[in-house]
C-alpha atoms as a PDB file:
ATOM      1  CA  MET A   1      55.856 167.947  73.178  1.00  0.00           C
ATOM      2  CA  GLU A   2      55.416 164.207  74.077  1.00  0.00           C
ATOM      3  CA  ARG A   3      58.200 164.613  76.541  1.00  0.00           C
ATOM      4  CA  LYS A   4      56.658 167.556  78.191  1.00  0.00           C
ATOM      5  CA  SER A   5      53.207 165.887  78.326  1.00  0.00           C
ATOM      6  CA  ARG A   6      54.863 162.786  80.214  1.00  0.00           C
ATOM      7  CA  PHE A   7      56.523 165.196  82.628  1.00  0.00           C
ATOM      8  CA  THR A   8      53.147 166.990  83.360  1.00  0.00           C
ATOM      9  CA  GLN A   9      51.485 163.725  84.152  1.00  0.00           C
ATOM     10  CA  TRP A  10      54.394 162.828  86.425  1.00  0.00           C
ATOM     11  CA  LEU A  11      54.172 166.097  88.043  1.00  0.00           C
ATOM     12  CA  ARG A  12      50.438 165.667  88.693  1.00  0.00           C
ATOM     13  CA  ARG A  13      51.042 162.037  90.065  1.00  0.00           C
ATOM     14  CA  SER A  14      53.829 163.432  92.350  1.00  0.00           C
ATOM     15  CA  ARG A  15      51.689 166.235  93.794  1.00  0.00           C
ATOM     16  CA  SER A  16      48.976 163.869  94.638  1.00  0.00           C
ATOM     17  CA  ALA A  17      51.299 161.507  96.334  1.00  0.00           C
ATOM     18  CA  THR A  18      53.323 164.072  98.188  1.00  0.00           C
ATOM     19  CA  GLY A  19      50.875 166.717  99.331  1.00  0.00           C
ATOM     20  CA  GLY A  20      50.195 168.952  96.429  1.00  0.00           C
ATOM     21  CA  ASP A  21      46.543 168.224  96.397  1.00  0.00           C
ATOM     22  CA  THR A  22      45.730 167.707 100.058  1.00  0.00           C
ATOM     23  CA  GLY A  23      42.056 168.667  99.623  1.00  0.00           C
ATOM     24  CA  SER A  24      39.823 169.490 102.799  1.00  0.00           C
ATOM     25  CA  GLY A  25      38.582 168.251 106.010  1.00  0.00           C
ATOM     26  CA  ALA A  26      40.002 166.391 108.817  1.00  0.00           C
ATOM     27  CA  GLY A  27      42.000 163.840 106.709  1.00  0.00           C
ATOM     28  CA  ALA A  28      43.548 166.597 104.740  1.00  0.00           C
ATOM     29  CA  ALA A  29      44.417 168.506 107.856  1.00  0.00           C
ATOM     30  CA  SER A  30      46.199 165.419 109.345  1.00  0.00           C
ATOM     31  CA  ALA A  31      48.005 164.684 106.136  1.00  0.00           C
ATOM     32  CA  ARG A  32      49.265 168.433 105.804  1.00  0.00           C
ATOM     33  CA  GLU A  33      50.507 168.096 109.600  1.00  0.00           C
ATOM     34  CA  ASP A  34      52.341 164.965 108.752  1.00  0.00           C
ATOM     35  CA  LEU A  35      54.015 166.466 105.838  1.00  0.00           C
ATOM     36  CA  LEU A  36      55.168 169.385 108.011  1.00  0.00           C
ATOM     37  CA  MET A  37      56.288 167.073 110.795  1.00  0.00           C
ATOM     38  CA  ALA A  38      58.481 165.181 108.121  1.00  0.00           C
ATOM     39  CA  ALA A  39      60.208 168.489 107.103  1.00  0.00           C
ATOM     40  CA  ALA A  40      60.764 169.262 110.822  1.00  0.00           C
ATOM     41  CA  ALA A  41      62.109 165.685 111.371  1.00  0.00           C
ATOM     42  CA  ALA A  42      64.610 166.379 108.439  1.00  0.00           C
ATOM     43  CA  GLY A  43      65.775 169.426 110.596  1.00  0.00           C
ATOM     44  CA  PHE A  44      64.237 172.065 108.400  1.00  0.00           C
ATOM     45  CA  PRO A  45      63.778 175.253 110.426  1.00  0.00           C
ATOM     46  CA  LEU A  46      60.240 176.165 109.902  1.00  0.00           C
ATOM     47  CA  ALA A  47      58.309 179.373 110.640  1.00  0.00           C
ATOM     48  CA  PRO A  48      54.703 180.639 109.975  1.00  0.00           C
ATOM     49  CA  ALA A  49      53.816 182.375 106.735  1.00  0.00           C
ATOM     50  CA  ALA A  50      50.891 184.074 105.170  1.00  0.00           C
ATOM     51  CA  TYR A  51      48.384 182.278 102.978  1.00  0.00           C
ATOM     52  CA  PRO A  52      45.794 183.140 100.314  1.00  0.00           C
ATOM     53  CA  SER A  53      42.933 185.132 101.310  1.00  0.00           C
ATOM     54  CA  GLY A  54      40.369 185.619  98.365  1.00  0.00           C
ATOM     55  CA  TYR A  55      42.504 186.815  95.604  1.00  0.00           C
ATOM     56  CA  GLY A  56      45.082 188.200  97.856  1.00  0.00           C
ATOM     57  CA  CYS A  57      47.079 187.638 101.033  1.00  0.00           C
ATOM     58  CA  SER A  58      45.989 187.099 104.712  1.00  0.00           C
ATOM     59  CA  CYS A  59      48.297 189.817 105.807  1.00  0.00           C
ATOM     60  CA  ASP A  60      47.237 193.275 106.524  1.00  0.00           C
ATOM     61  CA  ARG A  61      49.400 194.982 103.869  1.00  0.00           C
ATOM     62  CA  ILE A  62      47.402 196.591 101.082  1.00  0.00           C
ATOM     63  CA  GLY A  63      48.490 195.367  97.643  1.00  0.00           C
ATOM     64  CA  CYS A  64      50.833 192.647  99.184  1.00  0.00           C
ATOM     65  CA  PRO A  65      53.526 192.070  96.478  1.00  0.00           C
ATOM     66  CA  THR A  66      54.122 188.464  97.374  1.00  0.00           C
ATOM     67  CA  PRO A  67      50.827 187.168  98.633  1.00  0.00           C
ATOM     68  CA  ALA A  68      50.864 183.949 100.611  1.00  0.00           C
ATOM     69  CA  ARG A  69      54.685 183.532 100.126  1.00  0.00           C
ATOM     70  CA  HIS A  70      56.117 185.646 102.944  1.00  0.00           C
ATOM     71  CA  PRO A  71      56.636 184.945 106.603  1.00  0.00           C
ATOM     72  CA  VAL A  72      54.187 186.333 109.255  1.00  0.00           C
ATOM     73  CA  SER A  73      56.816 187.742 111.689  1.00  0.00           C
ATOM     74  CA  PHE A  74      59.749 190.092 110.644  1.00  0.00           C
ATOM     75  CA  ALA A  75      61.778 187.929 113.222  1.00  0.00           C
ATOM     76  CA  TRP A  76      61.359 184.772 111.007  1.00  0.00           C
ATOM     77  CA  ALA A  77      65.182 184.032 110.985  1.00  0.00           C
ATOM     78  CA  THR A  78      65.262 183.668 114.737  1.00  0.00           C
ATOM     79  CA  GLN A  79      61.882 182.343 115.105  1.00  0.00           C
ATOM     80  CA  ALA A  80      62.458 179.454 112.653  1.00  0.00           C
ATOM     81  CA  SER A  81      62.502 176.033 114.416  1.00  0.00           C
ATOM     82  CA  ALA A  82      62.491 172.367 113.750  1.00  0.00           C
ATOM     83  CA  ASP A  83      60.990 171.648 117.156  1.00  0.00           C
ATOM     84  CA  PRO A  84      57.826 169.618 116.395  1.00  0.00           C
ATOM     85  CA  GLU A  85      56.043 170.874 119.338  1.00  0.00           C
ATOM     86  CA  LYS A  86      56.624 174.522 118.248  1.00  0.00           C
ATOM     87  CA  VAL A  87      55.284 173.752 114.584  1.00  0.00           C
ATOM     88  CA  ARG A  88      52.337 172.046 115.825  1.00  0.00           C
ATOM     89  CA  HIS A  89      51.491 175.075 118.274  1.00  0.00           C
ATOM     90  CA  TRP A  90      51.796 177.448 115.203  1.00  0.00           C
ATOM     91  CA  LEU A  91      49.771 175.123 112.858  1.00  0.00           C
ATOM     92  CA  ARG A  92      46.935 174.640 115.448  1.00  0.00           C
ATOM     93  CA  ALA A  93      46.900 178.314 116.431  1.00  0.00           C
ATOM     94  CA  ASP A  94      46.249 179.066 112.652  1.00  0.00           C
ATOM     95  CA  PRO A  95      45.455 175.980 110.574  1.00  0.00           C
ATOM     96  CA  GLN A  96      45.408 177.901 107.206  1.00  0.00           C
ATOM     97  CA  ALA A  97      48.943 179.226 107.557  1.00  0.00           C
ATOM     98  CA  ASN A  98      51.566 178.469 105.184  1.00  0.00           C
ATOM     99  CA  PHE A  99      55.207 177.725 106.374  1.00  0.00           C
ATOM    100  CA  ILE A 100      58.660 178.928 105.183  1.00  0.00           C
ATOM    101  CA  THR A 101      61.761 177.091 105.781  1.00  0.00           C
ATOM    102  CA  ALA A 102      64.849 179.322 106.596  1.00  0.00           C
ATOM    103  CA  THR A 103      67.844 178.558 104.393  1.00  0.00           C
ATOM    104  CA  GLY A 104      71.564 178.884 105.205  1.00  0.00           C
ATOM    105  CA  LEU A 105      71.161 176.994 108.678  1.00  0.00           C
ATOM    106  CA  VAL A 106      70.600 173.192 107.634  1.00  0.00           C
ATOM    107  CA  HIS A 107      69.970 173.469 103.939  1.00  0.00           C
ATOM    108  CA  ASP A 108      70.322 175.728 100.819  1.00  0.00           C
ATOM    109  CA  VAL A 109      67.938 175.872  98.062  1.00  0.00           C
ATOM    110  CA  LEU A 110      68.700 176.099  94.302  1.00  0.00           C
ATOM    111  CA  ASP A 111      65.587 177.575  92.709  1.00  0.00           C
ATOM    112  CA  VAL A 112      65.049 177.475  88.931  1.00  0.00           C
ATOM    113  CA  PRO A 113      62.054 177.672  86.443  1.00  0.00           C
ATOM    114  CA  VAL A 114      60.338 174.368  86.309  1.00  0.00           C
ATOM    115  CA  GLU A 115      61.273 173.429  82.768  1.00  0.00           C
ATOM    116  CA  ALA A 116      64.951 174.126  83.412  1.00  0.00           C
ATOM    117  CA  GLY A 117      64.611 171.826  86.474  1.00  0.00           C
ATOM    118  CA  ARG A 118      63.073 169.168  84.419  1.00  0.00           C
ATOM    119  CA  GLN A 119      65.961 169.183  81.832  1.00  0.00           C
ATOM    120  CA  ALA A 120      68.420 169.195  84.563  1.00  0.00           C
ATOM    121  CA  LEU A 121      66.677 166.205  86.293  1.00  0.00           C
ATOM    122  CA  GLU A 122      67.001 164.346  82.999  1.00  0.00           C
ATOM    123  CA  ARG A 123      70.703 165.001  82.823  1.00  0.00           C
ATOM    124  CA  LEU A 124      71.335 164.257  86.401  1.00  0.00           C
ATOM    125  CA  GLY A 125      69.481 161.150  86.283  1.00  0.00           C
ATOM    126  CA  ALA A 126      71.346 160.104  83.126  1.00  0.00           C
ATOM    127  CA  SER A 127      74.627 160.663  84.868  1.00  0.00           C
ATOM    128  CA  ASP A 128      73.484 158.653  88.200  1.00  0.00           C
ATOM    129  CA  VAL A 129      73.804 161.838  90.257  1.00  0.00           C
ATOM    130  CA  GLU A 130      71.956 161.643  93.406  1.00  0.00           C
ATOM    131  CA  VAL A 131      69.426 164.526  94.111  1.00  0.00           C
ATOM    132  CA  GLY A 132      68.013 165.357  97.489  1.00  0.00           C
ATOM    133  CA  PRO A 133      64.413 166.741  98.170  1.00  0.00           C
ATOM    134  CA  ILE A 134      62.705 168.646  95.314  1.00  0.00           C
ATOM    135  CA  ALA A 135      59.591 170.699  95.580  1.00  0.00           C
ATOM    136  CA  THR A 136      57.668 172.550  92.877  1.00  0.00           C
ATOM    137  CA  SER A 137      56.058 175.789  93.219  1.00  0.00           C
ATOM    138  CA  GLY A 138      53.138 177.479  91.296  1.00  0.00           C
ATOM    139  CA  GLY A 139      50.509 175.768  89.010  1.00  0.00           C
ATOM    140  CA  ASP A 140      51.905 176.688  85.707  1.00  0.00           C
ATOM    141  CA  LEU A 141      54.697 174.599  83.918  1.00  0.00           C
ATOM    142  CA  ARG A 142      55.908 177.771  82.251  1.00  0.00           C
ATOM    143  CA  GLN A 143      55.801 180.091  85.236  1.00  0.00           C
ATOM    144  CA  GLY A 144      56.547 177.628  88.072  1.00  0.00           C
ATOM    145  CA  ARG A 145      59.660 177.142  89.847  1.00  0.00           C
ATOM    146  CA  MET A 146      61.456 173.950  90.912  1.00  0.00           C
ATOM    147  CA  LEU A 147      63.343 173.826  94.203  1.00  0.00           C
ATOM    148  CA  PHE A 148      66.252 171.664  94.818  1.00  0.00           C
ATOM    149  CA  PHE A 149      67.113 171.241  98.529  1.00  0.00           C
ATOM    150  CA  THR A 150      70.929 170.676  99.101  1.00  0.00           C
ATOM    151  CA  ALA A 151      73.467 170.860 102.008  1.00  0.00           C
ATOM    152  CA  THR A 152      74.302 174.359 103.133  1.00  0.00           C
ATOM    153  CA  ARG A 153      77.509 176.339 102.800  1.00  0.00           C
ATOM    154  CA  GLY A 154      77.129 176.841 106.404  1.00  0.00           C
ATOM    155  CA  THR A 155      77.294 179.786 108.777  1.00  0.00           C
ATOM    156  CA  PRO A 156      80.920 179.870 109.820  1.00  0.00           C
ATOM    157  CA  GLU A 157      81.929 182.175 112.749  1.00  0.00           C
ATOM    158  CA  ASP A 158      84.605 183.633 110.572  1.00  0.00           C
ATOM    159  CA  GLU A 159      82.857 185.789 107.876  1.00  0.00           C
ATOM    160  CA  ASP A 160      85.882 185.377 105.551  1.00  0.00           C
ATOM    161  CA  GLU A 161      85.263 181.559 105.493  1.00  0.00           C
ATOM    162  CA  TRP A 162      81.906 182.190 103.863  1.00  0.00           C
ATOM    163  CA  TRP A 163      82.071 182.515 100.084  1.00  0.00           C
ATOM    164  CA  PRO A 164      79.187 184.509  98.409  1.00  0.00           C
ATOM    165  CA  CYS A 165      78.519 184.283  94.607  1.00  0.00           C
ATOM    166  CA  GLU A 166      76.178 186.417  92.251  1.00  0.00           C
ATOM    167  CA  LEU A 167      73.576 183.629  92.440  1.00  0.00           C
ATOM    168  CA  ASP A 168      72.769 184.208  96.016  1.00  0.00           C
ATOM    169  CA  CYS A 169      69.149 185.255  96.522  1.00  0.00           C
ATOM    170  CA  HIS A 170      67.524 187.082  99.313  1.00  0.00           C
ATOM    171  CA  PRO A 171      63.696 188.038  99.773  1.00  0.00           C
ATOM    172  CA  GLU A 172      64.289 191.431  98.484  1.00  0.00           C
ATOM    173  CA  THR A 173      66.282 190.477  95.401  1.00  0.00           C
ATOM    174  CA  MET A 174      64.029 187.793  94.061  1.00  0.00           C
ATOM    175  CA  ASP A 175      63.018 189.725  90.979  1.00  0.00           C
ATOM    176  CA  GLU A 176      66.697 190.202  90.044  1.00  0.00           C
ATOM    177  CA  HIS A 177      67.136 186.410  89.674  1.00  0.00           C
ATOM    178  CA  PRO A 178      64.552 185.242  87.071  1.00  0.00           C
ATOM    179  CA  GLY A 179      66.800 182.199  86.265  1.00  0.00           C
ATOM    180  CA  LEU A 180      68.900 180.108  88.795  1.00  0.00           C
ATOM    181  CA  ARG A 181      68.500 181.462  92.535  1.00  0.00           C
ATOM    182  CA  TRP A 182      70.656 180.344  95.320  1.00  0.00           C
ATOM    183  CA  HIS A 183      68.725 180.719  98.589  1.00  0.00           C
ATOM    184  CA  CYS A 184      71.393 180.571 101.460  1.00  0.00           C
ATOM    185  CA  ARG A 185      71.980 182.642 104.441  1.00  0.00           C
ATOM    186  CA  GLY A 186      69.226 185.211 105.015  1.00  0.00           C
ATOM    187  CA  SER A 187      66.682 183.816 102.644  1.00  0.00           C
ATOM    188  CA  TYR A 188      63.740 181.323 102.751  1.00  0.00           C
ATOM    189  CA  VAL A 189      61.341 179.352 100.610  1.00  0.00           C
ATOM    190  CA  LEU A 190      57.794 177.941 101.150  1.00  0.00           C
ATOM    191  CA  VAL A 191      57.792 174.413 102.482  1.00  0.00           C
ATOM    192  CA  PRO A 192      55.196 171.962 101.189  1.00  0.00           C
ATOM    193  CA  PRO A 193      52.526 171.679 101.428  1.00  0.00           C
ATOM    194  CA  ALA A 194      51.516 175.114 100.919  1.00  0.00           C
ATOM    195  CA  ARG A 195      48.661 177.023  99.014  1.00  0.00           C
ATOM    196  CA  LEU A 196      49.180 179.969  96.666  1.00  0.00           C
ATOM    197  CA  PRO A 197      46.723 182.416  95.234  1.00  0.00           C
ATOM    198  CA  GLY A 198      44.539 180.966  92.628  1.00  0.00           C
ATOM    199  CA  ASP A 199      45.235 177.107  92.029  1.00  0.00           C
ATOM    200  CA  GLY A 200      48.891 177.337  92.790  1.00  0.00           C
ATOM    201  CA  ARG A 201      50.540 174.898  95.171  1.00  0.00           C
ATOM    202  CA  VAL A 202      53.991 174.163  96.781  1.00  0.00           C
ATOM    203  CA  ALA A 203      54.382 170.359  96.768  1.00  0.00           C
ATOM    204  CA  TRP A 204      57.093 167.652  97.167  1.00  0.00           C
ATOM    205  CA  LEU A 205      58.416 165.750  94.110  1.00  0.00           C
ATOM    206  CA  LEU A 206      60.951 164.029  96.303  1.00  0.00           C
ATOM    207  CA  GLY A 207      60.356 164.148 100.001  1.00  0.00           C
ATOM    208  CA  PRO A 208      62.511 165.858 102.631  1.00  0.00           C
ATOM    209  CA  GLU A 209      63.593 162.339 104.126  1.00  0.00           C
ATOM    210  CA  ARG A 210      66.221 162.156 101.306  1.00  0.00           C
ATOM    211  CA  PRO A 211      69.899 162.824 102.036  1.00  0.00           C
ATOM    212  CA  LEU A 212      70.964 166.479 101.151  1.00  0.00           C
ATOM    213  CA  PRO A 213      73.557 166.650  98.206  1.00  0.00           C
ATOM    214  CA  ASP A 214      76.383 168.795  97.881  1.00  0.00           C
ATOM    215  CA  PRO A 215      75.116 171.767  95.942  1.00  0.00           C
ATOM    216  CA  LEU A 216      77.962 171.795  93.437  1.00  0.00           C
ATOM    217  CA  THR A 217      76.984 168.238  92.265  1.00  0.00           C
ATOM    218  CA  LEU A 218      73.872 169.974  90.780  1.00  0.00           C
ATOM    219  CA  LEU A 219      74.994 173.425  89.924  1.00  0.00           C
ATOM    220  CA  GLU A 220      76.294 172.849  86.471  1.00  0.00           C
ATOM    221  CA  ALA A 221      73.320 170.837  85.331  1.00  0.00           C
ATOM    222  CA  LEU A 222      71.006 173.507  86.765  1.00  0.00           C
ATOM    223  CA  THR A 223      73.009 176.408  85.287  1.00  0.00           C
ATOM    224  CA  ASP A 224      73.397 174.761  81.897  1.00  0.00           C
ATOM    225  CA  ALA A 225      69.652 174.011  81.830  1.00  0.00           C
ATOM    226  CA  GLY A 226      68.784 177.581  82.652  1.00  0.00           C
ATOM    227  CA  ARG A 227      70.928 178.945  79.824  1.00  0.00           C
ATOM    228  CA  VAL A 228      69.431 176.591  77.236  1.00  0.00           C
ATOM    229  CA  LEU A 229      66.046 177.837  78.519  1.00  0.00           C
ATOM    230  CA  ALA A 230      66.963 181.452  78.306  1.00  0.00           C
ATOM    231  CA  GLY A 231      68.276 180.860  74.636  1.00  0.00           C
ATOM    232  CA  ALA A 232      69.267 183.947  72.878  1.00  0.00           C
ATOM    233  CA  GLU A 233      67.679 186.359  75.450  1.00  0.00           C
ATOM    234  CA  GLU A 234      70.453 185.805  77.822  1.00  0.00           C
ATOM    235  CA  GLU A 235      73.270 187.922  76.591  1.00  0.00           C
ATOM    236  CA  HIS A 236      75.468 187.908  79.807  1.00  0.00           C
ATOM    237  CA  GLU A 237      76.460 184.289  80.374  1.00  0.00           C
ATOM    238  CA  GLY A 238      79.368 185.225  82.649  1.00  0.00           C
ATOM    239  CA  ALA A 239      77.116 184.159  85.733  1.00  0.00           C
ATOM    240  CA  ALA A 240      79.641 184.014  88.770  1.00  0.00           C
ATOM    241  CA  TRP A 241      80.532 180.499  89.678  1.00  0.00           C
ATOM    242  CA  PRO A 242      81.421 180.007  93.364  1.00  0.00           C
ATOM    243  CA  ILE A 243      84.190 177.389  92.638  1.00  0.00           C
ATOM    244  CA  GLY A 244      87.520 178.526  93.687  1.00  0.00           C
ATOM    245  CA  ARG A 245      86.346 181.488  95.659  1.00  0.00           C
END
């Protein structure tokens, strides 16, 4: 409990320092734009996304299943851009918009429950393994997620050179991956700073200026932490590993 309390304090400090609580007003808008420009400068392809409206979503869909978590356009994959002028144009056209970053182009994202991420960070730190940008999503330490940004497996011209694995996650398969998700080609995540319904936020723990690590340097620690967290409820430990495929 003491360790979790220290982590909670660190999480709050990190959010305050990296855009989790940007507040309101002109200064907050400027800070938000700066954070999005930092993501664009890192080469992350961005596209506008929905945002909270009341207790729901800004989109027109009644009973939206993923409020404030999805792109505005169905063409997000081709629309996504790291061009700062495009990002500024989108932001100023709709100042409340969240933004997604398309994965599988410049970066992938390994997405785990926040407690599994905390455990993995302790193990990686003890082993002096360098991590890249890390974000948290959600306002609850039990229900939230931690996003580890990594180098991508790429988009080779020859489809046979791209190796899929059972951890691969796409927007329509999110519910099928309650543990570790690997966002790669055809997927996306919200990029900080973003607002979720209620008090939820997406915020940087470690910013986008950090070099992107090879995903395989993090995968074992994240997988092991997820299995420990699942405990006896996880009966199928034969999760596919992409090594050797």
